[in-house]
């Protein structure tokens, strides 16, 4: 019988936001999220009170909820100094913050009971220039990418209610070894061997966009230019 190693934590913050246009001449964003109180409705496309600006790259069933490990904020404050002294849960546009689990602990395809909802880990976060603009640190997206401290996304298998203080508990781990950290480094890194890329392309629970990217890497078709994503529009 397969044994699913126990992973659980408590939700320490929930954050929602609406589309705003804080940067003249640049696209709008919903990265500036605010803490909310009380149980929140979580549906197939995310929290009812939350919005995304560009649905081509944010939101949708594969990226319905963004979870960030609040454990990382102390490291950011230590590494970045004065510009990061106000960093804390909710700073990076996440919907959910917890203490006790990070990208190294959970795997792609892991299924969690979150409040009364059931969610599945679909991919890590692919950081973009909006992190730079939002935090005021022009290298923030690049640092996310280098450290793989990106957080992760869920697809919602069963809608439900989620509130601060609720437990998130892993109930299934179909892909042990393919941690979010490992897969995110493979996706965002400069190079990957073709065998690993081919394996990841066929990982059943991986978000389709990332599976397609690994398929291109396996076929040596990928010449991805990340400069626009990391630096933003001119």
Protein backbone atom coordinates (compact mmCIF):
# COMPACT_ATOMS: atom_id res chain seq x y z
CA UNK A 1 0.00 0.00 0.00
CA UNK A 2 1.34 3.44 -0.92
CA UNK A 3 1.88 5.72 2.02
CA UNK A 4 1.44 9.45 1.57
CA UNK A 5 3.87 11.29 3.87
CA UNK A 6 2.00 13.65 6.14
CA UNK A 7 2.19 17.32 5.29
CA UNK A 8 -0.07 19.84 6.93
CA UNK A 9 -0.08 23.50 7.85
CA UNK A 10 -2.45 26.25 8.84
CA UNK A 11 -3.53 29.08 6.62
CA UNK A 12 -2.15 32.29 8.14
CA UNK A 13 -3.47 34.67 5.51
CA UNK A 14 -5.89 34.96 2.59
CA UNK A 15 -5.48 37.74 0.03
CA UNK A 16 -7.71 38.98 -2.80
CA UNK A 17 -7.37 41.79 -5.30
CA UNK A 18 -9.02 43.59 -8.20
CA UNK A 19 -7.43 44.80 -11.41
CA UNK A 20 -5.77 48.20 -11.06
CA UNK A 21 -3.55 50.35 -13.29
CA UNK A 22 -0.79 51.54 -10.94
CA UNK A 23 1.97 51.96 -13.53
CA UNK A 24 1.48 54.61 -16.24
CA UNK A 25 1.90 53.26 -19.72
CA UNK A 26 1.97 49.63 -18.59
CA UNK A 27 -0.71 46.92 -18.35
CA UNK A 28 -2.98 46.68 -15.34
CA UNK A 29 -2.50 44.12 -12.59
CA UNK A 30 -4.24 42.51 -9.63
CA UNK A 31 -0.97 41.79 -7.81
CA UNK A 32 -1.77 44.28 -5.04
CA UNK A 33 -3.97 42.01 -2.95
CA UNK A 34 -5.49 42.80 0.43
CA UNK A 35 -6.11 40.52 3.41
CA UNK A 36 -9.66 39.24 3.79
CA UNK A 37 -11.50 37.87 6.78
CA UNK A 38 -14.03 35.11 7.10
CA UNK A 39 -14.54 32.01 4.95
CA UNK A 40 -14.08 32.61 1.22
CA UNK A 41 -15.78 30.79 -1.65
CA UNK A 42 -13.26 28.87 -3.76
CA UNK A 43 -14.51 27.75 -7.17
CA UNK A 44 -12.95 26.05 -10.17
CA UNK A 45 -11.41 29.30 -11.43
CA UNK A 46 -10.28 30.60 -8.04
CA UNK A 47 -11.67 32.67 -5.20
CA UNK A 48 -14.86 34.53 -6.07
CA UNK A 49 -13.51 37.79 -4.60
CA UNK A 50 -10.25 37.63 -6.57
CA UNK A 51 -9.39 38.83 -10.08
CA UNK A 52 -6.59 38.55 -12.63
CA UNK A 53 -5.66 41.14 -15.22
CA UNK A 54 -4.22 39.08 -18.07
CA UNK A 55 -6.00 35.75 -18.38
CA UNK A 56 -3.52 34.56 -21.00
CA UNK A 57 -0.85 34.15 -18.33
CA UNK A 58 -2.75 34.30 -15.03
CA UNK A 59 -5.74 32.48 -13.62
CA UNK A 60 -7.78 29.76 -15.26
CA UNK A 61 -8.32 26.21 -14.02
CA UNK A 62 -4.60 25.30 -13.97
CA UNK A 63 -3.67 28.43 -12.00
CA UNK A 64 -6.78 29.03 -9.95
CA UNK A 65 -5.00 29.73 -6.65
CA UNK A 66 -1.49 30.95 -5.86
CA UNK A 67 0.06 29.74 -2.58
CA UNK A 68 3.23 31.29 -1.19
CA UNK A 69 5.26 30.00 1.74
CA UNK A 70 5.39 32.76 4.32
CA UNK A 71 8.50 30.95 5.57
CA UNK A 72 10.50 32.68 2.80
CA UNK A 73 9.87 36.26 3.88
CA UNK A 74 12.54 36.22 6.60
CA UNK A 75 15.13 35.17 4.01
CA UNK A 76 14.08 37.95 1.62
CA UNK A 77 14.35 40.54 4.41
CA UNK A 78 17.78 39.25 5.37
CA UNK A 79 19.11 39.07 1.81
CA UNK A 80 17.68 42.31 0.43
CA UNK A 81 18.08 44.56 3.45
CA UNK A 82 16.26 47.86 3.78
CA UNK A 83 14.11 47.63 0.62
CA UNK A 84 12.55 44.43 1.94
CA UNK A 85 12.03 45.24 5.62
CA UNK A 86 8.27 45.56 5.15
CA UNK A 87 7.99 42.27 3.28
CA UNK A 88 5.48 39.88 4.79
CA UNK A 89 2.63 37.57 3.82
CA UNK A 90 0.60 38.90 0.89
CA UNK A 91 3.48 40.97 -0.51
CA UNK A 92 3.91 38.96 -3.70
CA UNK A 93 0.31 38.76 -4.86
CA UNK A 94 -0.41 35.32 -3.41
CA UNK A 95 -3.89 34.18 -2.41
CA UNK A 96 -2.80 31.88 0.41
CA UNK A 97 0.02 32.12 2.94
CA UNK A 98 1.07 29.34 5.30
CA UNK A 99 3.95 28.50 7.60
CA UNK A 100 5.52 25.06 7.59
CA UNK A 101 5.54 23.94 3.95
CA UNK A 102 7.66 25.11 1.04
CA UNK A 103 8.39 24.17 -2.58
CA UNK A 104 10.84 21.53 -1.33
CA UNK A 105 8.15 19.67 0.62
CA UNK A 106 5.37 19.10 -1.90
CA UNK A 107 5.21 17.66 -5.38
CA UNK A 108 3.43 18.30 -8.64
CA UNK A 109 0.10 16.49 -8.51
CA UNK A 110 -0.15 16.47 -4.73
CA UNK A 111 -3.77 16.66 -3.62
CA UNK A 112 -4.62 18.69 -0.53
CA UNK A 113 -7.70 19.22 1.58
CA UNK A 114 -7.85 23.00 1.95
CA UNK A 115 -10.64 24.05 4.28
CA UNK A 116 -13.62 22.23 2.77
CA UNK A 117 -12.15 22.33 -0.76
CA UNK A 118 -9.91 19.80 -2.51
CA UNK A 119 -7.03 21.19 -4.58
CA UNK A 120 -4.18 19.79 -6.68
CA UNK A 121 -0.68 21.23 -7.21
CA UNK A 122 -0.33 22.05 -10.92
CA UNK A 123 2.90 24.07 -11.35
CA UNK A 124 5.26 26.58 -9.82
CA UNK A 125 5.03 30.30 -10.53
CA UNK A 126 6.73 31.82 -13.52
CA UNK A 127 7.68 35.28 -12.21
CA UNK A 128 7.29 38.41 -14.31
CA UNK A 129 8.19 42.09 -14.26
CA UNK A 130 5.10 43.00 -12.23
CA UNK A 131 6.92 41.70 -9.15
CA UNK A 132 9.64 44.29 -9.83
CA UNK A 133 7.14 47.11 -10.22
CA UNK A 134 5.06 46.07 -7.22
CA UNK A 135 7.97 45.63 -4.80
CA UNK A 136 10.15 48.45 -6.13
CA UNK A 137 13.08 46.03 -6.54
CA UNK A 138 13.99 45.81 -10.21
CA UNK A 139 15.57 42.36 -9.88
CA UNK A 140 12.76 40.76 -7.87
CA UNK A 141 11.43 38.56 -10.68
CA UNK A 142 14.94 37.39 -11.56
CA UNK A 143 15.62 36.58 -7.89
CA UNK A 144 12.39 34.59 -7.68
CA UNK A 145 13.56 32.61 -10.67
CA UNK A 146 17.11 32.05 -9.38
CA UNK A 147 16.01 30.89 -5.93
CA UNK A 148 12.92 28.92 -7.02
CA UNK A 149 11.13 30.55 -4.09
CA UNK A 150 8.20 31.20 -6.38
CA UNK A 151 5.25 29.62 -4.65
CA UNK A 152 2.93 27.29 -6.54
CA UNK A 153 -0.49 27.05 -8.13
CA UNK A 154 -3.48 24.81 -7.52
CA UNK A 155 -6.29 23.60 -9.69
CA UNK A 156 -9.53 23.13 -7.77
CA UNK A 157 -10.87 19.58 -7.82
CA UNK A 158 -13.75 20.23 -5.44
CA UNK A 159 -14.97 23.76 -4.63
CA UNK A 160 -15.46 24.75 -1.03
CA UNK A 161 -14.89 27.35 1.66
CA UNK A 162 -11.45 28.44 2.89
CA UNK A 163 -10.66 30.69 5.83
CA UNK A 164 -7.71 31.91 7.86
CA UNK A 165 -6.89 29.26 10.46
CA UNK A 166 -8.05 26.39 8.28
CA UNK A 167 -5.82 23.37 7.85
CA UNK A 168 -4.23 22.39 4.56
CA UNK A 169 -3.46 18.68 4.58
CA UNK A 170 -1.94 16.44 1.91
CA UNK A 171 -4.11 13.44 1.10
CA UNK A 172 -2.38 12.10 -2.02
CA UNK A 173 1.14 12.23 -3.52
CA UNK A 174 1.21 10.53 -6.95
CA UNK A 175 4.60 11.86 -8.04
CA UNK A 176 7.07 11.61 -5.14
CA UNK A 177 10.40 13.09 -6.09
CA UNK A 178 9.02 15.66 -8.53
CA UNK A 179 8.95 18.43 -5.96
CA UNK A 180 7.71 21.87 -6.92
CA UNK A 181 11.22 23.19 -6.34
CA UNK A 182 12.80 20.61 -8.65
CA UNK A 183 10.26 21.08 -11.44
CA UNK A 184 10.35 24.87 -11.16
CA UNK A 185 14.14 24.89 -11.44
CA UNK A 186 13.88 22.64 -14.48
CA UNK A 187 11.28 24.91 -16.10
CA UNK A 188 12.99 28.23 -15.37
CA UNK A 189 16.63 27.15 -15.66
CA UNK A 190 18.74 27.82 -18.71
CA UNK A 191 19.24 24.16 -19.61
CA UNK A 192 17.78 20.73 -18.96
CA UNK A 193 18.68 17.30 -20.30
CA UNK A 194 16.30 15.92 -22.90
CA UNK A 195 15.40 12.82 -20.89
CA UNK A 196 14.25 14.83 -17.87
CA UNK A 197 12.35 17.25 -20.10
CA UNK A 198 10.58 14.36 -21.81
CA UNK A 199 9.62 12.83 -18.45
CA UNK A 200 8.19 16.12 -17.23
CA UNK A 201 6.28 16.66 -20.45
CA UNK A 202 4.34 13.47 -19.67
CA UNK A 203 3.70 14.17 -15.98
CA UNK A 204 -0.10 13.83 -15.92
CA UNK A 205 -0.96 16.51 -13.39
CA UNK A 206 1.46 19.17 -14.66
CA UNK A 207 -0.26 22.27 -16.07
CA UNK A 208 -0.56 22.05 -19.85
CA UNK A 209 1.51 25.19 -20.48
CA UNK A 210 4.48 23.81 -18.57
CA UNK A 211 4.08 20.34 -20.12
CA UNK A 212 4.20 21.93 -23.59
CA UNK A 213 7.33 23.90 -22.63
CA UNK A 214 9.08 20.72 -21.47
CA UNK A 215 8.03 19.00 -24.69
CA UNK A 216 9.72 21.75 -26.70
CA UNK A 217 12.82 21.44 -24.51
CA UNK A 218 12.90 17.68 -25.06
CA UNK A 219 12.76 18.23 -28.82
CA UNK A 220 15.33 21.03 -28.70
CA UNK A 221 12.70 23.37 -30.15
CA UNK A 222 12.73 25.85 -27.28
CA UNK A 223 14.64 29.11 -27.69
CA UNK A 224 12.85 30.93 -24.93
CA UNK A 225 13.64 34.61 -24.46
CA UNK A 226 12.82 35.54 -20.86
CA UNK A 227 13.96 39.18 -21.04
CA UNK A 228 10.51 40.66 -21.72
CA UNK A 229 8.90 38.58 -18.96
CA UNK A 230 11.51 39.52 -16.37
CA UNK A 231 12.13 43.15 -17.35
CA UNK A 232 8.71 44.15 -18.63
CA UNK A 233 7.53 46.36 -21.48
CA UNK A 234 9.79 49.25 -22.45
